[in-house]
């Protein structure tokens, strides 16, 4: 049995769907943040599978830059979540308006 790119694309679609549903349903910002990261990883898996199928390195280069942006997003996002948690002991999506100056 040979594993084709269709298997990877199906897995990526499933991961993206789980992330999108989690982002729309959950109210906790930390869980929402993890769902966004799951969606980014699903897109990265799609890029890598297409790069492998087309025998092109361009998709893997895009994944590298996406991971760099995701790392910066993690740093900024966690700082915002910690700032909200210090003001209130909860981190729901409704508490984001507390950061207005």
Protein backbone atom coordinates (compact mmCIF):
# COMPACT_ATOMS: atom_id res chain seq x y z
CA UNK A 1 0.00 0.00 0.00
CA UNK A 2 1.46 3.31 -1.09
CA UNK A 3 0.66 6.48 0.81
CA UNK A 4 -0.31 9.13 -1.72
CA UNK A 5 -0.57 12.89 -1.21
CA UNK A 6 -4.34 12.47 -1.01
CA UNK A 7 -3.94 10.94 2.45
CA UNK A 8 -1.94 13.93 3.64
CA UNK A 9 -4.41 16.37 2.13
CA UNK A 10 -7.31 14.56 3.81
CA UNK A 11 -5.50 14.71 7.14
CA UNK A 12 -4.77 18.41 6.62
CA UNK A 13 -8.42 19.10 5.82
CA UNK A 14 -9.49 17.22 8.93
CA UNK A 15 -7.02 19.13 11.12
CA UNK A 16 -8.09 22.45 9.61
CA UNK A 17 -11.76 21.62 10.20
CA UNK A 18 -11.10 20.69 13.83
CA UNK A 19 -9.22 23.96 14.31
CA UNK A 20 -11.93 26.05 12.66
CA UNK A 21 -14.72 24.44 14.68
CA UNK A 22 -12.71 24.85 17.88
CA UNK A 23 -12.08 28.50 17.07
CA UNK A 24 -15.76 29.20 16.47
CA UNK A 25 -17.14 27.21 19.40
CA UNK A 26 -14.76 27.81 22.29
CA UNK A 27 -14.65 31.02 24.37
CA UNK A 28 -11.33 30.51 26.14
CA UNK A 29 -8.66 32.53 24.36
CA UNK A 30 -5.93 30.01 25.10
CA UNK A 31 -7.94 27.24 23.43
CA UNK A 32 -8.75 29.59 20.55
CA UNK A 33 -5.05 30.31 20.21
CA UNK A 34 -4.25 26.60 20.04
CA UNK A 35 -6.94 26.14 17.37
CA UNK A 36 -5.32 28.85 15.23
CA UNK A 37 -1.99 27.06 15.59
CA UNK A 38 -3.66 23.78 14.57
CA UNK A 39 -5.03 25.47 11.48
CA UNK A 40 -1.58 26.84 10.61
CA UNK A 41 -0.06 23.38 10.95
CA UNK A 42 -2.76 21.95 8.67
CA UNK A 43 -1.85 24.50 6.03
CA UNK A 44 1.84 23.67 6.49
CA UNK A 45 1.07 19.99 5.95
CA UNK A 46 -0.73 20.91 2.72
CA UNK A 47 2.25 22.93 1.50
CA UNK A 48 4.68 20.12 2.29
CA UNK A 49 2.54 17.46 0.62
CA UNK A 50 2.19 19.55 -2.55
CA UNK A 51 5.92 20.31 -2.53
CA UNK A 52 6.67 16.59 -2.28
CA UNK A 53 4.14 15.64 -4.96
CA UNK A 54 5.38 18.28 -7.41
CA UNK A 55 9.05 17.72 -6.49
CA UNK A 56 9.48 21.43 -5.78
CA UNK A 57 11.24 23.01 -2.82
CA UNK A 58 9.09 26.18 -2.89
CA UNK A 59 6.39 24.75 -0.63
CA UNK A 60 8.93 23.81 2.00
CA UNK A 61 10.40 27.32 1.92
CA UNK A 62 6.93 28.77 2.48
CA UNK A 63 6.48 26.40 5.44
CA UNK A 64 9.74 27.65 6.93
CA UNK A 65 8.56 31.27 6.76
CA UNK A 66 5.13 30.30 8.09
CA UNK A 67 6.76 28.66 11.11
CA UNK A 68 8.81 31.81 11.75
CA UNK A 69 5.66 33.94 11.66
CA UNK A 70 3.85 31.43 13.90
CA UNK A 71 6.65 31.64 16.46
CA UNK A 72 6.33 35.42 16.54
CA UNK A 73 2.57 35.04 16.84
CA UNK A 74 3.00 32.72 19.80
CA UNK A 75 5.18 35.26 21.60
CA UNK A 76 2.78 38.16 21.05
CA UNK A 77 -0.37 36.11 21.60
CA UNK A 78 0.80 34.62 24.87
CA UNK A 79 1.84 38.07 26.09
CA UNK A 80 -1.67 39.35 25.40
CA UNK A 81 -3.24 36.35 27.13
CA UNK A 82 -1.02 36.86 30.19
CA UNK A 83 -1.95 40.57 30.26
CA UNK A 84 -5.64 39.67 30.24
CA UNK A 85 -5.16 37.01 32.91
CA UNK A 86 -3.40 39.50 35.21
CA UNK A 87 -6.31 41.89 35.02
CA UNK A 88 -8.96 39.22 35.49
CA UNK A 89 -8.65 35.65 36.60
CA UNK A 90 -10.31 34.41 33.44
CA UNK A 91 -9.25 34.49 29.82
CA UNK A 92 -12.42 34.45 27.75
CA UNK A 93 -12.89 36.15 24.41
CA UNK A 94 -15.13 38.76 26.06
CA UNK A 95 -12.22 39.97 28.21
CA UNK A 96 -10.19 41.24 25.24
CA UNK A 97 -11.93 44.63 25.34
CA UNK A 98 -10.23 45.25 28.72
CA UNK A 99 -6.99 46.00 26.90
CA UNK A 100 -8.39 49.16 25.31
CA UNK A 101 -6.43 52.18 26.50
